[in-house]
Protein backbone atom coordinates (compact mmCIF):
# COMPACT_ATOMS: atom_id res chain seq x y z
CA UNK A 1 152.87 147.90 124.77
CA UNK A 2 150.97 149.02 121.69
CA UNK A 3 153.69 151.44 120.60
CA UNK A 4 156.14 148.51 120.41
CA UNK A 5 153.90 146.96 117.74
CA UNK A 6 153.58 150.07 115.62
CA UNK A 7 155.10 150.03 112.15
CA UNK A 8 156.74 153.41 112.65
CA UNK A 9 158.58 152.19 115.75
CA UNK A 10 160.04 149.19 113.92
CA UNK A 11 160.99 151.24 110.86
CA UNK A 12 162.80 153.74 113.08
CA UNK A 13 164.38 150.96 115.13
CA UNK A 14 165.66 149.05 112.09
CA UNK A 15 166.99 152.23 110.48
CA UNK A 16 168.92 153.16 113.62
CA UNK A 17 170.09 149.54 113.97
CA UNK A 18 171.36 149.53 110.39
CA UNK A 19 173.19 152.81 110.89
CA UNK A 20 174.68 151.51 114.15
CA UNK A 21 175.82 148.27 112.51
CA UNK A 22 177.41 150.15 109.62
CA UNK A 23 179.16 152.47 112.08
CA UNK A 24 180.57 149.53 114.06
CA UNK A 25 181.73 147.82 110.85
CA UNK A 26 183.39 151.01 109.63
CA UNK A 27 185.07 151.50 113.01
CA UNK A 28 186.47 147.95 113.00
CA UNK A 29 187.64 148.35 109.41
CA UNK A 30 189.42 151.62 110.11
CA UNK A 31 190.97 150.17 113.28
CA UNK A 32 192.38 147.24 111.32
CA UNK A 33 193.77 149.51 108.60
CA UNK A 34 195.43 152.04 110.90
CA UNK A 35 196.67 149.51 113.47
CA UNK A 36 197.98 146.94 110.98
CA UNK A 37 201.52 148.31 110.54
CA UNK A 38 201.91 148.99 114.26
CA UNK A 39 200.71 145.50 115.19
CA UNK A 40 203.08 143.90 112.66
CA UNK A 41 206.02 145.94 113.98
CA UNK A 42 205.25 145.24 117.65
CA UNK A 43 204.81 141.50 117.08
CA UNK A 44 208.00 141.24 115.03
CA UNK A 45 209.99 143.15 117.65
CA UNK A 46 208.60 140.88 120.39
CA UNK A 47 209.63 137.72 118.49
CA UNK A 48 213.09 139.07 117.67
CA UNK A 49 213.68 140.19 121.27
CA UNK A 50 212.64 136.85 122.74
CA UNK A 51 214.77 134.86 120.30
CA UNK A 52 217.82 137.13 120.72
CA UNK A 53 217.66 137.17 124.53
CA UNK A 54 217.05 133.43 124.72
CA UNK A 55 219.89 132.70 122.30
CA UNK A 56 222.27 134.98 124.24
CA UNK A 57 221.27 133.41 127.58
CA UNK A 58 221.87 129.91 126.30
CA UNK A 59 225.17 130.85 124.63
CA UNK A 60 226.69 132.58 127.66
CA UNK A 61 225.37 130.35 130.41
CA UNK A 62 227.47 127.64 131.97
CA UNK A 63 226.73 124.16 130.53
CA UNK A 64 225.77 122.76 133.92
CA UNK A 65 223.24 125.62 134.43
CA UNK A 66 221.48 125.41 131.04
CA UNK A 67 218.97 122.80 132.25
CA UNK A 68 217.87 125.08 135.10
CA UNK A 69 217.70 128.01 132.65
CA UNK A 70 215.43 126.08 130.30
CA UNK A 71 213.14 125.11 133.20
CA UNK A 72 212.95 128.72 134.33
CA UNK A 73 212.10 129.90 130.81
CA UNK A 74 209.25 127.40 130.67
CA UNK A 75 207.84 128.13 134.12
CA UNK A 76 208.23 131.91 134.20
CA UNK A 77 208.12 133.02 130.56
CA UNK A 78 206.26 130.19 128.81
CA UNK A 79 209.22 129.74 126.42
CA UNK A 80 210.23 126.25 125.36
CA UNK A 81 213.38 125.24 123.48
CA UNK A 82 213.50 122.09 121.30
CA UNK A 83 216.20 120.71 119.11
CA UNK A 84 215.28 120.98 115.44
CA UNK A 85 215.47 117.60 113.71
CA UNK A 86 215.12 116.79 110.04
CA UNK A 87 212.44 114.26 110.95
CA UNK A 88 210.19 116.87 112.61
CA UNK A 89 206.62 117.04 111.30
CA UNK A 90 206.22 120.77 110.68
CA UNK A 91 202.87 122.49 109.94
CA UNK A 92 202.61 125.83 108.06
CA UNK A 93 202.72 129.11 109.98
CA UNK A 94 199.52 130.35 111.66
CA UNK A 95 196.77 131.36 109.23
CA UNK A 96 196.84 134.98 110.27
CA UNK A 97 196.45 137.84 107.74
CA UNK A 98 199.42 139.58 109.37
CA UNK A 99 201.72 136.52 109.37
CA UNK A 100 203.46 137.12 105.99
CA UNK A 101 204.45 140.64 107.05
CA UNK A 102 205.53 139.50 110.53
CA UNK A 103 207.68 136.72 109.04
CA UNK A 104 209.34 139.12 106.61
CA UNK A 105 210.17 141.58 109.39
CA UNK A 106 211.60 138.85 111.63
CA UNK A 107 213.74 137.37 108.83
CA UNK A 108 215.20 140.83 108.20
CA UNK A 109 216.59 140.74 111.75
CA UNK A 110 217.31 137.03 112.34
CA UNK A 111 218.26 135.92 108.84
CA UNK A 112 216.46 134.42 105.85
CA UNK A 113 216.84 130.87 107.17
CA UNK A 114 214.40 131.54 110.01
CA UNK A 115 211.40 129.22 109.85
CA UNK A 116 207.92 129.53 111.35
CA UNK A 117 205.32 126.92 112.26
CA UNK A 118 202.02 126.60 114.09
CA UNK A 119 202.54 122.97 115.11
CA UNK A 120 205.64 120.74 115.39
CA UNK A 121 205.25 117.00 115.93
CA UNK A 122 201.59 117.53 116.87
CA UNK A 123 202.29 120.11 119.59
CA UNK A 124 200.53 123.44 118.91
CA UNK A 125 202.29 126.74 119.51
CA UNK A 126 204.10 129.55 117.74
CA UNK A 127 207.47 128.19 116.61
CA UNK A 128 210.53 130.17 115.41
CA UNK A 129 213.79 128.50 114.43
CA UNK A 130 217.27 129.81 115.36
CA UNK A 131 220.87 128.63 115.29
CA UNK A 132 223.55 128.36 117.93
CA UNK A 133 226.76 127.68 116.09
CA UNK A 134 225.96 124.67 113.90
CA UNK A 135 223.00 123.47 115.94
CA UNK A 136 219.39 124.33 115.09
CA UNK A 137 216.61 124.80 117.64
CA UNK A 138 212.90 125.54 117.84
CA UNK A 139 211.74 128.30 120.17
CA UNK A 140 208.05 127.88 121.02
CA UNK A 141 205.92 130.76 122.30
CA UNK A 142 202.37 130.50 123.54
CA UNK A 143 200.01 131.74 120.84
CA UNK A 144 198.30 134.19 123.18
CA UNK A 145 201.50 136.22 123.45
CA UNK A 146 201.66 137.09 119.77
CA UNK A 147 198.07 136.70 118.54
CA UNK A 148 195.69 139.61 118.35
CA UNK A 149 191.99 139.32 118.90
CA UNK A 150 190.54 136.19 117.34
CA UNK A 151 187.46 136.21 115.16
CA UNK A 152 185.41 134.91 118.06
CA UNK A 153 186.70 137.72 120.27
CA UNK A 154 186.02 140.30 117.58
CA UNK A 155 182.53 138.84 117.19
CA UNK A 156 182.01 138.95 120.95
CA UNK A 157 183.07 142.58 121.27
CA UNK A 158 181.04 143.53 118.21
CA UNK A 159 178.02 141.72 119.68
CA UNK A 160 178.33 143.55 122.99
CA UNK A 161 178.69 146.92 121.27
CA UNK A 162 175.88 146.00 118.86
CA UNK A 163 173.47 145.02 121.65
CA UNK A 164 174.20 148.21 123.57
CA UNK A 165 173.76 150.24 120.38
CA UNK A 166 170.47 148.49 119.57
CA UNK A 167 169.20 149.17 123.08
CA UNK A 168 170.11 152.80 122.54
CA UNK A 169 168.33 152.73 119.17
CA UNK A 170 165.23 151.25 120.83
CA UNK A 171 165.33 153.96 123.50
CA UNK A 172 165.68 156.72 120.90
CA UNK A 173 162.88 155.16 118.83
CA UNK A 174 160.63 155.07 121.88
CA UNK A 175 161.29 158.75 122.55
CA UNK A 176 160.04 159.48 119.05
CA UNK A 177 157.26 156.93 118.71
CA UNK A 178 155.57 157.05 122.12
CA UNK A 179 154.44 160.67 121.61
CA UNK A 180 153.39 159.82 118.03
CA UNK A 181 151.42 156.78 119.22
CA UNK A 182 149.75 158.92 121.89
CA UNK A 183 148.92 161.56 119.27
CA UNK A 184 147.49 158.89 116.93
CA UNK A 185 145.30 157.46 119.68
CA UNK A 186 143.98 160.94 120.51
CA UNK A 187 143.21 161.58 116.83
CA UNK A 188 141.22 158.32 116.70
CA UNK A 189 139.22 159.40 119.73
CA UNK A 190 138.34 162.65 117.93
CA UNK A 191 137.35 160.65 114.84
CA UNK A 192 134.83 158.76 117.02
CA UNK A 193 133.25 162.04 118.05
CA UNK A 194 134.70 162.03 121.56
CA UNK A 195 137.02 164.44 123.30
CA UNK A 196 140.43 162.96 124.17
CA UNK A 197 142.38 163.66 127.34
CA UNK A 198 144.92 166.50 126.91
CA UNK A 199 148.29 165.35 125.64
CA UNK A 200 151.20 165.88 128.07
CA UNK A 201 153.23 168.93 127.09
CA UNK A 202 156.64 167.53 127.96
CA UNK A 203 159.64 166.10 126.15
CA UNK A 204 161.63 167.74 123.38
CA UNK A 205 160.68 171.19 122.18
CA UNK A 206 159.20 169.82 118.95
CA UNK A 207 156.98 167.33 120.80
CA UNK A 208 155.88 170.00 123.27
CA UNK A 209 154.88 172.31 120.41
CA UNK A 210 153.05 169.50 118.57
CA UNK A 211 151.10 168.41 121.67
CA UNK A 212 150.34 172.00 122.60
CA UNK A 213 149.01 172.69 119.10
CA UNK A 214 146.93 169.51 119.21
CA UNK A 215 145.43 170.40 122.58
CA UNK A 216 144.60 173.85 121.25
CA UNK A 217 142.96 172.27 118.22
CA UNK A 218 140.82 170.06 120.48
CA UNK A 219 139.70 173.11 122.44
CA UNK A 220 138.92 174.95 119.20
CA UNK A 221 136.89 171.99 117.90
CA UNK A 222 134.93 171.88 121.13
CA UNK A 223 134.18 175.57 120.77
CA UNK A 224 133.14 175.03 117.15
CA UNK A 225 130.73 172.30 118.28
CA UNK A 226 129.21 174.66 120.81
CA UNK A 227 128.91 177.42 118.21
CA UNK A 228 127.36 174.99 115.74
CA UNK A 229 124.76 173.94 118.29
CA UNK A 230 123.82 177.59 118.73
CA UNK A 231 123.69 178.13 114.96
CA UNK A 232 121.51 175.03 114.48
CA UNK A 233 119.09 176.25 117.11
CA UNK A 234 119.03 179.67 115.42
CA UNK A 235 118.39 178.17 111.99
CA UNK A 236 115.55 176.03 113.31
CA UNK A 237 113.92 179.03 114.97
CA UNK A 238 114.64 181.79 112.47
CA UNK A 239 113.68 179.83 109.34
CA UNK A 240 110.88 177.60 110.51
CA UNK A 241 109.05 180.38 112.33
CA UNK A 242 108.52 182.38 109.08
CA UNK A 243 107.52 179.15 107.33
CA UNK A 244 104.89 178.47 110.01
CA UNK A 245 103.62 182.04 109.62
CA UNK A 246 103.47 181.62 105.84
CA UNK A 247 101.54 178.36 106.30
CA UNK A 248 99.03 180.14 108.57
CA UNK A 249 98.61 183.05 106.16
CA UNK A 250 98.18 180.59 103.30
CA UNK A 251 95.34 178.87 105.11
CA UNK A 252 93.60 182.19 105.65
CA UNK A 253 94.20 183.52 102.15
CA UNK A 254 91.48 183.38 99.52
CA UNK A 255 93.24 181.22 96.96
CA UNK A 256 92.20 178.53 94.57
CA UNK A 257 92.66 174.94 95.63
CA UNK A 258 95.47 174.31 93.10
CA UNK A 259 97.38 177.43 94.15
CA UNK A 260 96.99 176.62 97.84
CA UNK A 261 98.16 173.02 97.39
CA UNK A 262 101.11 174.14 95.27
CA UNK A 263 102.24 176.69 97.85
CA UNK A 264 101.72 174.20 100.68
CA UNK A 265 103.89 171.71 98.79
CA UNK A 266 106.62 174.34 98.37
CA UNK A 267 106.52 175.20 102.07
CA UNK A 268 106.63 171.52 103.04
CA UNK A 269 109.57 171.01 100.68
CA UNK A 270 111.43 173.98 102.18
CA UNK A 271 110.78 172.64 105.68
CA UNK A 272 112.03 169.18 104.66
CA UNK A 273 115.19 170.64 103.13
CA UNK A 274 115.87 172.64 106.31
CA UNK A 275 115.35 169.44 108.28
CA UNK A 276 117.88 167.62 106.10
CA UNK A 277 120.45 170.38 106.59
CA UNK A 278 119.94 170.22 110.35
CA UNK A 279 120.18 166.43 110.40
CA UNK A 280 123.40 166.50 108.37
CA UNK A 281 125.01 169.14 110.58
CA UNK A 282 123.88 167.59 113.85
CA UNK A 283 126.74 165.71 115.58
CA UNK A 284 126.35 162.13 116.79
CA UNK A 285 127.89 161.94 120.25
CA UNK A 286 129.43 158.59 121.18
CA UNK A 287 128.67 159.42 124.80
CA UNK A 288 124.95 158.99 124.01
CA UNK A 289 125.39 155.40 122.77
CA UNK A 290 123.36 152.76 124.60
CA UNK A 291 122.27 149.21 123.70
CA UNK A 292 119.59 149.57 121.04
CA UNK A 293 117.09 146.86 120.05
CA UNK A 294 117.93 146.82 116.35
CA UNK A 295 115.45 144.03 115.62
CA UNK A 296 112.56 146.02 117.10
CA UNK A 297 113.69 149.25 115.42
CA UNK A 298 113.74 147.59 111.98
CA UNK A 299 110.38 145.94 112.60
CA UNK A 300 108.83 149.32 113.48
CA UNK A 301 110.40 150.93 110.40
CA UNK A 302 109.08 148.12 108.20
CA UNK A 303 105.55 148.54 109.65
CA UNK A 304 105.73 152.29 109.01
CA UNK A 305 106.89 151.70 105.43
CA UNK A 306 103.96 149.33 104.82
CA UNK A 307 101.57 152.19 105.51
CA UNK A 308 103.04 154.30 102.72
CA UNK A 309 101.08 154.30 99.46
CA UNK A 310 102.30 151.93 96.72
CA UNK A 311 104.99 150.42 98.97
CA UNK A 312 105.38 146.68 99.54
CA UNK A 313 107.71 145.38 102.24
CA UNK A 314 109.29 141.97 102.82
CA UNK A 315 111.16 141.28 106.06
CA UNK A 316 113.61 138.68 107.38
CA UNK A 317 114.70 140.03 110.77
CA UNK A 318 116.44 137.96 113.43
CA UNK A 319 115.06 138.60 116.92
CA UNK A 320 116.96 139.99 119.88
CA UNK A 321 119.81 141.79 118.11
CA UNK A 322 121.25 144.59 120.24
CA UNK A 323 123.76 147.14 118.94
CA UNK A 324 125.54 150.08 120.53
CA UNK A 325 124.32 153.40 119.21
CA UNK A 326 121.97 156.34 119.37
CA UNK A 327 118.44 155.08 118.71
CA UNK A 328 117.20 158.36 117.24
CA UNK A 329 120.10 158.56 114.79
CA UNK A 330 119.77 154.89 113.78
CA UNK A 331 116.05 155.35 113.22
CA UNK A 332 116.87 158.37 111.04
CA UNK A 333 119.26 156.21 109.00
CA UNK A 334 116.59 153.58 108.31
CA UNK A 335 114.00 156.28 107.59
CA UNK A 336 116.29 157.98 105.07
CA UNK A 337 116.99 154.68 103.31
CA UNK A 338 113.27 153.90 103.09
CA UNK A 339 112.51 157.42 101.86
CA UNK A 340 115.29 157.15 99.26
CA UNK A 341 113.80 153.89 97.99
CA UNK A 342 110.26 155.34 98.00
CA UNK A 343 111.34 158.28 95.88
CA UNK A 344 113.64 156.61 93.39
CA UNK A 345 113.06 152.86 93.37
CA UNK A 346 109.76 152.13 91.62
CA UNK A 347 109.84 148.67 90.07
CA UNK A 348 110.23 149.18 86.29
CA UNK A 349 106.89 149.21 84.51
CA UNK A 350 104.87 149.77 87.71
CA UNK A 351 104.15 152.41 90.34
CA UNK A 352 105.00 149.95 93.12
CA UNK A 353 108.05 150.25 95.37
CA UNK A 354 109.28 146.91 96.73
CA UNK A 355 111.59 147.07 99.76
CA UNK A 356 113.28 144.12 101.50
CA UNK A 357 114.49 144.30 105.12
CA UNK A 358 117.05 141.69 106.25
CA UNK A 359 118.93 141.65 109.56
CA UNK A 360 121.09 138.97 111.20
CA UNK A 361 124.39 138.49 113.02
CA UNK A 362 127.39 137.54 110.89
CA UNK A 363 131.14 137.18 111.18
CA UNK A 364 132.94 140.01 109.36
CA UNK A 365 136.63 141.01 109.07
CA UNK A 366 135.93 143.36 112.01
CA UNK A 367 134.39 140.57 114.13
CA UNK A 368 130.79 139.51 114.74
CA UNK A 369 128.44 142.31 113.76
CA UNK A 370 124.79 142.98 113.12
CA UNK A 371 124.38 143.13 109.34
CA UNK A 372 121.37 145.01 107.96
CA UNK A 373 120.40 144.78 104.29
CA UNK A 374 117.84 147.15 102.77
CA UNK A 375 117.20 146.45 99.10
CA UNK A 376 114.77 147.71 96.47
CA UNK A 377 113.71 146.48 93.02
CA UNK A 378 114.18 149.79 91.21
CA UNK A 379 116.37 150.72 88.25
CA UNK A 380 119.59 150.79 90.31
CA UNK A 381 122.50 153.16 89.74
CA UNK A 382 125.30 153.09 87.15
CA UNK A 383 128.32 151.35 88.68
CA UNK A 384 130.62 154.31 88.06
CA UNK A 385 128.27 156.64 89.96
CA UNK A 386 127.60 154.60 93.12
CA UNK A 387 130.35 156.35 95.11
CA UNK A 388 128.79 159.71 94.25
CA UNK A 389 125.60 158.77 96.11
CA UNK A 390 127.22 159.27 99.53
CA UNK A 391 128.47 162.78 98.77
CA UNK A 392 126.43 165.74 100.05
CA UNK A 393 124.11 167.54 97.61
CA UNK A 394 124.37 164.72 95.06
CA UNK A 395 121.25 163.49 93.27
CA UNK A 396 121.42 161.03 90.39
CA UNK A 397 117.94 161.82 89.09
CA UNK A 398 118.78 160.71 85.56
CA UNK A 399 119.20 157.17 86.86
CA UNK A 400 116.36 156.89 89.38
CA UNK A 401 113.67 159.35 88.40
CA UNK A 402 113.01 162.97 89.32
CA UNK A 403 112.22 164.04 92.87
CA UNK A 404 112.63 167.00 95.12
CA UNK A 405 115.29 167.16 97.82
CA UNK A 406 118.64 168.58 98.80
CA UNK A 407 120.63 165.44 98.05
CA UNK A 408 121.58 164.85 101.70
CA UNK A 409 119.66 161.64 102.47
CA UNK A 410 122.45 159.12 101.89
CA UNK A 411 125.11 161.61 103.01
CA UNK A 412 123.35 161.73 106.40
CA UNK A 413 123.31 157.93 106.44
CA UNK A 414 127.06 157.76 105.73
CA UNK A 415 127.83 160.39 108.36
CA UNK A 416 125.80 158.70 111.12
CA UNK A 417 127.10 155.22 110.25
CA UNK A 418 130.75 156.37 110.40
CA UNK A 419 130.11 157.96 113.83
CA UNK A 420 128.78 154.58 115.01
CA UNK A 421 132.04 152.85 114.04
CA UNK A 422 130.07 150.83 111.52
CA UNK A 423 130.58 149.94 107.87
CA UNK A 424 128.38 151.10 105.00
CA UNK A 425 128.35 149.39 101.61
CA UNK A 426 126.17 150.47 98.69
CA UNK A 427 125.94 148.35 95.55
CA UNK A 428 123.51 147.27 92.88
CA UNK A 429 121.32 144.30 93.76
CA UNK A 430 121.47 141.13 91.73
CA UNK A 431 118.30 141.18 89.65
CA UNK A 432 117.99 144.97 89.69
CA UNK A 433 117.72 147.68 92.28
CA UNK A 434 119.98 149.13 94.93
CA UNK A 435 121.23 147.29 98.05
CA UNK A 436 122.51 149.11 101.14
CA UNK A 437 124.41 147.08 103.74
CA UNK A 438 125.13 148.24 107.29
CA UNK A 439 127.44 146.34 109.67
CA UNK A 440 127.04 147.65 113.22
CA UNK A 441 128.96 146.67 116.40
CA UNK A 442 127.02 144.42 118.73
CA UNK A 443 126.25 145.52 122.27
CA UNK A 444 128.23 143.46 124.80
């Protein structure tokens, strides 16, 4: 599942896992501290009781019954009695952190001469020495009777508790991250210009409120889009109708040729600026995307550019390249780039505008894409001002000559390209001029 691969899920999971591990470690530490004295006392009392009872049984039993008593102790209680010899090979007591305190407590009851061992003559066990009159004996208990949990057992229990805790942490993380992943996916759908499916309004109160607010925002955005469409239609009608009437009155007016041409130029400029505003505000719907013959579109744009005065065009276009997009919007992008070059990119020292069209399929970090390069041989743009070109209402006339416009040409390009899930790169061309690169997704 995609949410399992999200960085937020793993950060939450590891944080909860760390807290769980620290909690388990603290619990084990506190258990050892508070149970230490009780465990020492209980173990010492057990050893003393076994030795005392065994010693009393052997002392008061009839000599002919002692053999049967020893056999019964072995079979029923797991207690063995051996004679203590000076030649015995005796290992140190068990390496248990509690052993020094247990030994001290036992010696207080049985006497300071009491000895302890973990192995006698190669036989493992828990050995305690005791005396009957002048004779010395070993009493051997099975280790399991006096040993607490071993390290392996502690590790096993800690592992079981840890695994259960981690599963709980994963479950809690999923409760948090699944709604966030769903919200992120819906936000990406909106970024592509589409309308996402409503988020489920269930779960904790906070998630319900967040999803409800998001759904309301989606509805509000849809209403804004509808209102904007109405406003755009109103602008087109209410502004261009008076301009058309002014153009008609200008034709009928008795004016000099220079005055008429000047006013016609102003009206045409106003109409072009209105068109730029409408193009910038117009949404690009992903639902309208179809396979577009990018090769043919660029060839047509290059032929149109060749007809412009003082414009020279060079092309290197690979045939048969199809991309997903809106053909009208993509044609507007190419047209704006050509118009931008025509206005600002005269080759230094001449009145000629040289434009190069290049298009082929390349491998990019985003996969195989159609890469379009449109370059001119003009003066270029200062490096520190290139990023400003894509901002609305920005014109760097000091760098590329004076011209009329609203400064929306490249902003429209950037807006349309982003809606097509494509990449736009603007940089200065080696040898002079500006180079615009588009990387568009191929049609499957």
